[in-house]
PDB file of N, CA and C in Angstrom:
ATOM      1  N   MET A   1      56.960 -23.179-111.081  1.00  0.00           N
ATOM      2  CA  MET A   1      57.616 -22.389-110.054  1.00  0.00           C
ATOM      3  C   MET A   1      56.558 -21.660-109.234  1.00  0.00           C
ATOM      4  N   SER A   2      56.663 -21.738-107.943  1.00  0.00           N
ATOM      5  CA  SER A   2      55.656 -21.096-107.091  1.00  0.00           C
ATOM      6  C   SER A   2      55.926 -19.598-106.979  1.00  0.00           C
ATOM      7  N   LYS A   3      54.875 -18.873-106.753  1.00  0.00           N
ATOM      8  CA  LYS A   3      54.968 -17.425-106.616  1.00  0.00           C
ATOM      9  C   LYS A   3      55.515 -17.066-105.248  1.00  0.00           C
ATOM     10  N   LYS A   4      56.333 -16.026-105.178  1.00  0.00           N
ATOM     11  CA  LYS A   4      56.909 -15.571-103.917  1.00  0.00           C
ATOM     12  C   LYS A   4      55.958 -14.558-103.280  1.00  0.00           C
ATOM     13  N   ASN A   5      55.561 -14.818-102.034  1.00  0.00           N
ATOM     14  CA  ASN A   5      54.731 -13.863-101.312  1.00  0.00           C
ATOM     15  C   ASN A   5      55.518 -12.580-101.095  1.00  0.00           C
ATOM     16  N   VAL A   6      54.801 -11.473-100.966  1.00  0.00           N
ATOM     17  CA  VAL A   6      55.418 -10.176-100.701  1.00  0.00           C
ATOM     18  C   VAL A   6      55.081  -9.802 -99.259  1.00  0.00           C
ATOM     19  N   HIS A   7      56.106  -9.562 -98.462  1.00  0.00           N
ATOM     20  CA  HIS A   7      55.928  -9.227 -97.054  1.00  0.00           C
ATOM     21  C   HIS A   7      56.205  -7.744 -96.833  1.00  0.00           C
ATOM     22  N   VAL A   8      55.319  -7.094 -96.082  1.00  0.00           N
ATOM     23  CA  VAL A   8      55.533  -5.707 -95.651  1.00  0.00           C
ATOM     24  C   VAL A   8      55.904  -5.775 -94.184  1.00  0.00           C
ATOM     25  N   MET A   9      57.086  -5.234 -93.849  1.00  0.00           N
ATOM     26  CA  MET A   9      57.582  -5.342 -92.480  1.00  0.00           C
ATOM     27  C   MET A   9      58.392  -4.114 -92.092  1.00  0.00           C
ATOM     28  N   LYS A  10      58.576  -3.955 -90.786  1.00  0.00           N
ATOM     29  CA  LYS A  10      59.388  -2.866 -90.250  1.00  0.00           C
ATOM     30  C   LYS A  10      60.807  -3.032 -90.773  1.00  0.00           C
ATOM     31  N   HIS A  11      61.450  -1.903 -91.090  1.00  0.00           N
ATOM     32  CA  HIS A  11      62.788  -1.910 -91.662  1.00  0.00           C
ATOM     33  C   HIS A  11      63.532  -0.712 -91.105  1.00  0.00           C
ATOM     34  N   GLU A  12      64.831  -0.805 -91.006  1.00  0.00           N
ATOM     35  CA  GLU A  12      65.582   0.344 -90.493  1.00  0.00           C
ATOM     36  C   GLU A  12      65.264   1.573 -91.344  1.00  0.00           C
ATOM     37  N   GLY A  13      64.873   2.626 -90.710  1.00  0.00           N
ATOM     38  CA  GLY A  13      64.514   3.845 -91.421  1.00  0.00           C
ATOM     39  C   GLY A  13      63.096   3.874 -91.950  1.00  0.00           C
ATOM     40  N   GLY A  14      62.266   2.885 -91.634  1.00  0.00           N
ATOM     41  CA  GLY A  14      60.887   2.921 -92.105  1.00  0.00           C
ATOM     42  C   GLY A  14      60.282   1.546 -92.264  1.00  0.00           C
ATOM     43  N   TRP A  15      59.666   1.314 -93.431  1.00  0.00           N
ATOM     44  CA  TRP A  15      58.968   0.068 -93.736  1.00  0.00           C
ATOM     45  C   TRP A  15      59.447  -0.450 -95.079  1.00  0.00           C
ATOM     46  N   ALA A  16      59.392  -1.769 -95.249  1.00  0.00           N
ATOM     47  CA  ALA A  16      59.868  -2.374 -96.488  1.00  0.00           C
ATOM     48  C   ALA A  16      58.858  -3.357 -97.043  1.00  0.00           C
ATOM     49  N   ALA A  17      58.832  -3.464 -98.365  1.00  0.00           N
ATOM     50  CA  ALA A  17      58.111  -4.519 -99.070  1.00  0.00           C
ATOM     51  C   ALA A  17      59.194  -5.412 -99.656  1.00  0.00           C
ATOM     52  N   LYS A  18      59.126  -6.710 -99.324  1.00  0.00           N
ATOM     53  CA  LYS A  18      60.190  -7.630 -99.698  1.00  0.00           C
ATOM     54  C   LYS A  18      59.595  -8.948-100.157  1.00  0.00           C
ATOM     55  N   LYS A  19      60.094  -9.474-101.275  1.00  0.00           N
ATOM     56  CA  LYS A  19      59.654 -10.781-101.741  1.00  0.00           C
ATOM     57  C   LYS A  19      60.210 -11.855-100.822  1.00  0.00           C
ATOM     58  N   GLU A  20      59.395 -12.857-100.565  1.00  0.00           N
ATOM     59  CA  GLU A  20      59.784 -13.958 -99.690  1.00  0.00           C
ATOM     60  C   GLU A  20      61.059 -14.623-100.216  1.00  0.00           C
ATOM     61  N   GLY A  21      62.034 -14.768 -99.333  1.00  0.00           N
ATOM     62  CA  GLY A  21      63.290 -15.407 -99.705  1.00  0.00           C
ATOM     63  C   GLY A  21      64.302 -14.464-100.321  1.00  0.00           C
ATOM     64  N   GLY A  22      63.891 -13.217-100.575  1.00  0.00           N
ATOM     65  CA  GLY A  22      64.796 -12.244-101.175  1.00  0.00           C
ATOM     66  C   GLY A  22      65.819 -11.721-100.176  1.00  0.00           C
ATOM     67  N   LYS A  23      66.980 -11.360-100.669  1.00  0.00           N
ATOM     68  CA  LYS A  23      68.030 -10.839 -99.795  1.00  0.00           C
ATOM     69  C   LYS A  23      67.819  -9.358 -99.476  1.00  0.00           C
ATOM     70  N   ARG A  24      67.243  -8.632-100.434  1.00  0.00           N
ATOM     71  CA  ARG A  24      67.040  -7.198-100.240  1.00  0.00           C
ATOM     72  C   ARG A  24      65.573  -6.831-100.413  1.00  0.00           C
ATOM     73  N   ALA A  25      65.213  -5.721 -99.795  1.00  0.00           N
ATOM     74  CA  ALA A  25      63.841  -5.214 -99.933  1.00  0.00           C
ATOM     75  C   ALA A  25      63.628  -4.698-101.353  1.00  0.00           C
ATOM     76  N   SER A  26      62.443  -4.925-101.894  1.00  0.00           N
ATOM     77  CA  SER A  26      62.090  -4.384-103.206  1.00  0.00           C
ATOM     78  C   SER A  26      61.874  -2.883-103.111  1.00  0.00           C
ATOM     79  N   VAL A  27      61.269  -2.451-101.979  1.00  0.00           N
ATOM     80  CA  VAL A  27      60.936  -1.045-101.752  1.00  0.00           C
ATOM     81  C   VAL A  27      61.110  -0.736-100.268  1.00  0.00           C
ATOM     82  N   VAL A  28      61.696   0.422 -99.951  1.00  0.00           N
ATOM     83  CA  VAL A  28      61.760   0.907 -98.571  1.00  0.00           C
ATOM     84  C   VAL A  28      61.087   2.273 -98.553  1.00  0.00           C
ATOM     85  N   THR A  29      60.135   2.458 -97.622  1.00  0.00           N
ATOM     86  CA  THR A  29      59.378   3.707 -97.538  1.00  0.00           C
ATOM     87  C   THR A  29      59.397   4.233 -96.107  1.00  0.00           C
ATOM     88  N   GLU A  30      58.911   5.450 -95.946  1.00  0.00           N
ATOM     89  CA  GLU A  30      58.833   6.044 -94.608  1.00  0.00           C
ATOM     90  C   GLU A  30      57.662   5.520 -93.804  1.00  0.00           C
ATOM     91  N   THR A  31      56.539   5.247 -94.488  1.00  0.00           N
ATOM     92  CA  THR A  31      55.331   4.830 -93.770  1.00  0.00           C
ATOM     93  C   THR A  31      54.903   3.416 -94.167  1.00  0.00           C
ATOM     94  N   GLN A  32      54.154   2.773 -93.275  1.00  0.00           N
ATOM     95  CA  GLN A  32      53.648   1.438 -93.555  1.00  0.00           C
ATOM     96  C   GLN A  32      52.661   1.485 -94.719  1.00  0.00           C
ATOM     97  N   LYS A  33      51.827   2.511 -94.778  1.00  0.00           N
ATOM     98  CA  LYS A  33      50.842   2.620 -95.856  1.00  0.00           C
ATOM     99  C   LYS A  33      51.524   2.656 -97.216  1.00  0.00           C
ATOM    100  N   GLU A  34      52.615   3.423 -97.343  1.00  0.00           N
ATOM    101  CA  GLU A  34      53.341   3.484 -98.613  1.00  0.00           C
ATOM    102  C   GLU A  34      53.914   2.113 -98.977  1.00  0.00           C
ATOM    103  N   ALA A  35      54.434   1.401 -97.976  1.00  0.00           N
ATOM    104  CA  ALA A  35      55.003   0.073 -98.219  1.00  0.00           C
ATOM    105  C   ALA A  35      53.903  -0.918 -98.621  1.00  0.00           C
ATOM    106  N   ILE A  36      52.737  -0.808 -97.996  1.00  0.00           N
ATOM    107  CA  ILE A  36      51.610  -1.681 -98.345  1.00  0.00           C
ATOM    108  C   ILE A  36      51.173  -1.414 -99.781  1.00  0.00           C
ATOM    109  N   ASP A  37      51.051  -0.145-100.149  1.00  0.00           N
ATOM    110  CA  ASP A  37      50.644   0.206-101.515  1.00  0.00           C
ATOM    111  C   ASP A  37      51.644  -0.338-102.539  1.00  0.00           C
ATOM    112  N   ALA A  38      52.940  -0.176-102.272  1.00  0.00           N
ATOM    113  CA  ALA A  38      53.979  -0.664-103.179  1.00  0.00           C
ATOM    114  C   ALA A  38      53.980  -2.194-103.211  1.00  0.00           C
ATOM    115  N   GLY A  39      53.856  -2.817-102.044  1.00  0.00           N
ATOM    116  CA  GLY A  39      53.830  -4.276-101.969  1.00  0.00           C
ATOM    117  C   GLY A  39      52.626  -4.862-102.678  1.00  0.00           C
ATOM    118  N   ARG A  40      51.485  -4.188-102.587  1.00  0.00           N
ATOM    119  CA  ARG A  40      50.263  -4.659-103.251  1.00  0.00           C
ATOM    120  C   ARG A  40      50.460  -4.644-104.772  1.00  0.00           C
ATOM    121  N   LYS A  41      51.099  -3.614-105.291  1.00  0.00           N
ATOM    122  CA  LYS A  41      51.359  -3.551-106.740  1.00  0.00           C
ATOM    123  C   LYS A  41      52.260  -4.702-107.183  1.00  0.00           C
ATOM    124  N   ILE A  42      53.276  -4.995-106.382  1.00  0.00           N
ATOM    125  CA  ILE A  42      54.181  -6.102-106.699  1.00  0.00           C
ATOM    126  C   ILE A  42      53.423  -7.425-106.660  1.00  0.00           C
ATOM    127  N   ALA A  43      52.625  -7.642-105.607  1.00  0.00           N
ATOM    128  CA  ALA A  43      51.855  -8.880-105.455  1.00  0.00           C
ATOM    129  C   ALA A  43      50.851  -9.052-106.598  1.00  0.00           C
ATOM    130  N   GLN A  44      50.214  -7.974-107.012  1.00  0.00           N
ATOM    131  CA  GLN A  44      49.261  -8.043-108.123  1.00  0.00           C
ATOM    132  C   GLN A  44      49.978  -8.420-109.408  1.00  0.00           C
ATOM    133  N   ARG A  45      51.123  -7.803-109.652  1.00  0.00           N
ATOM    134  CA  ARG A  45      51.900  -8.072-110.862  1.00  0.00           C
ATOM    135  C   ARG A  45      52.395  -9.528-110.882  1.00  0.00           C
ATOM    136  N   GLU A  46      52.807 -10.028-109.713  1.00  0.00           N
ATOM    137  CA  GLU A  46      53.358 -11.375-109.605  1.00  0.00           C
ATOM    138  C   GLU A  46      52.273 -12.445-109.433  1.00  0.00           C
ATOM    139  N   GLY A  47      51.055 -12.026-109.123  1.00  0.00           N
ATOM    140  CA  GLY A  47      49.977 -12.981-108.855  1.00  0.00           C
ATOM    141  C   GLY A  47      50.224 -13.751-107.571  1.00  0.00           C
ATOM    142  N   SER A  48      50.729 -13.056-106.556  1.00  0.00           N
ATOM    143  CA  SER A  48      51.077 -13.703-105.291  1.00  0.00           C
ATOM    144  C   SER A  48      50.280 -13.103-104.136  1.00  0.00           C
ATOM    145  N   GLU A  49      50.694 -13.427-102.915  1.00  0.00           N
ATOM    146  CA  GLU A  49      49.982 -12.968-101.731  1.00  0.00           C
ATOM    147  C   GLU A  49      50.757 -11.844-101.038  1.00  0.00           C
ATOM    148  N   LEU A  50      50.027 -10.837-100.576  1.00  0.00           N
ATOM    149  CA  LEU A  50      50.601  -9.753 -99.786  1.00  0.00           C
ATOM    150  C   LEU A  50      50.406 -10.100 -98.314  1.00  0.00           C
ATOM    151  N   VAL A  51      51.495 -10.082 -97.541  1.00  0.00           N
ATOM    152  CA  VAL A  51      51.451 -10.403 -96.119  1.00  0.00           C
ATOM    153  C   VAL A  51      51.945  -9.176 -95.359  1.00  0.00           C
ATOM    154  N   VAL A  52      51.071  -8.574 -94.552  1.00  0.00           N
ATOM    155  CA  VAL A  52      51.408  -7.354 -93.817  1.00  0.00           C
ATOM    156  C   VAL A  52      51.713  -7.702 -92.366  1.00  0.00           C
ATOM    157  N   HIS A  53      52.885  -7.293 -91.906  1.00  0.00           N
ATOM    158  CA  HIS A  53      53.307  -7.509 -90.527  1.00  0.00           C
ATOM    159  C   HIS A  53      53.153  -6.199 -89.747  1.00  0.00           C
ATOM    160  N   GLY A  54      52.778  -6.295 -88.483  1.00  0.00           N
ATOM    161  CA  GLY A  54      52.696  -5.126 -87.622  1.00  0.00           C
ATOM    162  C   GLY A  54      54.066  -4.750 -87.089  1.00  0.00           C
ATOM    163  N   ARG A  55      54.127  -3.711 -86.264  1.00  0.00           N
ATOM    164  CA  ARG A  55      55.388  -3.274 -85.653  1.00  0.00           C
ATOM    165  C   ARG A  55      56.051  -4.392 -84.848  1.00  0.00           C
ATOM    166  N   ASP A  56      55.224  -5.275 -84.273  1.00  0.00           N
ATOM    167  CA  ASP A  56      55.748  -6.366 -83.449  1.00  0.00           C
ATOM    168  C   ASP A  56      56.219  -7.563 -84.280  1.00  0.00           C
ATOM    169  N   GLY A  57      56.077  -7.484 -85.596  1.00  0.00           N
ATOM    170  CA  GLY A  57      56.523  -8.553 -86.481  1.00  0.00           C
ATOM    171  C   GLY A  57      55.482  -9.619 -86.753  1.00  0.00           C
ATOM    172  N   LYS A  58      54.368  -9.600 -86.012  1.00  0.00           N
ATOM    173  CA  LYS A  58      53.317 -10.595 -86.213  1.00  0.00           C
ATOM    174  C   LYS A  58      52.481 -10.243 -87.439  1.00  0.00           C
ATOM    175  N   ILE A  59      52.022 -11.276 -88.136  1.00  0.00           N
ATOM    176  CA  ILE A  59      51.168 -11.069 -89.308  1.00  0.00           C
ATOM    177  C   ILE A  59      49.839 -10.486 -88.850  1.00  0.00           C
ATOM    178  N   ARG A  60      49.455  -9.387 -89.471  1.00  0.00           N
ATOM    179  CA  ARG A  60      48.184  -8.774 -89.089  1.00  0.00           C
ATOM    180  C   ARG A  60      47.164  -8.812 -90.218  1.00  0.00           C
ATOM    181  N   GLU A  61      47.621  -9.105 -91.447  1.00  0.00           N
ATOM    182  CA  GLU A  61      46.700  -9.085 -92.582  1.00  0.00           C
ATOM    183  C   GLU A  61      47.325  -9.836 -93.755  1.00  0.00           C
ATOM    184  N   LYS A  62      46.474 -10.501 -94.551  1.00  0.00           N
ATOM    185  CA  LYS A  62      46.913 -11.150 -95.785  1.00  0.00           C
ATOM    186  C   LYS A  62      45.932 -10.776 -96.886  1.00  0.00           C
ATOM    187  N   ASP A  63      46.446 -10.667 -98.102  1.00  0.00           N
ATOM    188  CA  ASP A  63      45.612 -10.318 -99.238  1.00  0.00           C
ATOM    189  C   ASP A  63      46.142 -11.083-100.455  1.00  0.00           C
ATOM    190  N   SER A  64      45.331 -11.975-100.992  1.00  0.00           N
ATOM    191  CA  SER A  64      45.761 -12.817-102.104  1.00  0.00           C
ATOM    192  C   SER A  64      45.467 -12.139-103.431  1.00  0.00           C
ATOM    193  N   HIS A  65      46.460 -12.204-104.331  1.00  0.00           N
ATOM    194  CA  HIS A  65      46.300 -11.605-105.660  1.00  0.00           C
ATOM    195  C   HIS A  65      46.513 -12.617-106.774  1.00  0.00           C
ATOM    196  N   GLY A  66      46.595 -13.888-106.426  1.00  0.00           N
ATOM    197  CA  GLY A  66      46.777 -14.928-107.430  1.00  0.00           C
ATOM    198  C   GLY A  66      45.486 -15.687-107.646  1.00  0.00           C
ATOM    199  N   ARG A  67      45.598 -16.766-108.382  1.00  0.00           N
ATOM    200  CA  ARG A  67      44.437 -17.644-108.570  1.00  0.00           C
ATOM    201  C   ARG A  67      44.159 -18.349-107.263  1.00  0.00           C
ATOM    202  N   ASP A  68      42.938 -18.344-106.839  1.00  0.00           N
ATOM    203  CA  ASP A  68      42.546 -18.970-105.582  1.00  0.00           C
ATOM    204  C   ASP A  68      42.347 -20.471-105.818  1.00  0.00           C
ATOM    205  N   THR A  69      43.194 -21.288-105.184  1.00  0.00           N
ATOM    206  CA  THR A  69      43.073 -22.722-105.349  1.00  0.00           C
ATOM    207  C   THR A  69      41.899 -23.295-104.569  1.00  0.00           C
ATOM    208  N   TYR A  70      41.369 -22.522-103.613  1.00  0.00           N
ATOM    209  CA  TYR A  70      40.204 -22.937-102.830  1.00  0.00           C
ATOM    210  C   TYR A  70      39.173 -21.797-102.820  1.00  0.00           C
ATOM    211  N   PRO A  71      38.526 -21.544-103.962  1.00  0.00           N
ATOM    212  CA  PRO A  71      37.551 -20.447-103.996  1.00  0.00           C
ATOM    213  C   PRO A  71      36.352 -20.746-103.108  1.00  0.00           C
ATOM    214  N   PRO A  72      35.662 -19.701-102.646  1.00  0.00           N
ATOM    215  CA  PRO A  72      34.484 -19.905-101.793  1.00  0.00           C
ATOM    216  C   PRO A  72      33.389 -20.658-102.543  1.00  0.00           C
ATOM    217  N   LYS A  73      32.689 -21.489-101.838  1.00  0.00           N
ATOM    218  CA  LYS A  73      31.584 -22.231-102.439  1.00  0.00           C
ATOM    219  C   LYS A  73      30.298 -21.463-102.198  1.00  0.00           C
ATOM    220  N   GLY A  74      29.478 -21.420-103.193  1.00  0.00           N
ATOM    221  CA  GLY A  74      28.268 -20.763-102.850  1.00  0.00           C
ATOM    222  C   GLY A  74      27.362 -20.356-103.854  1.00  0.00           C
TER     223      GLY A  74
END
């Protein structure tokens, strides 16, 4: 079973951290920073990727917390 990415996005009343494909947000916070912190904990626990969206909905940052299938060579 593949890991569900955790998305941080604008939400009514603030910001939300939500697992990909989920119907409801895992966490709703007042600030984006709080949602990122909560989403990062979920992504670390799940071994998945954290995807941060800006106010405009576009992806502005990604942070992987799982096993890297393509680690850097070097």
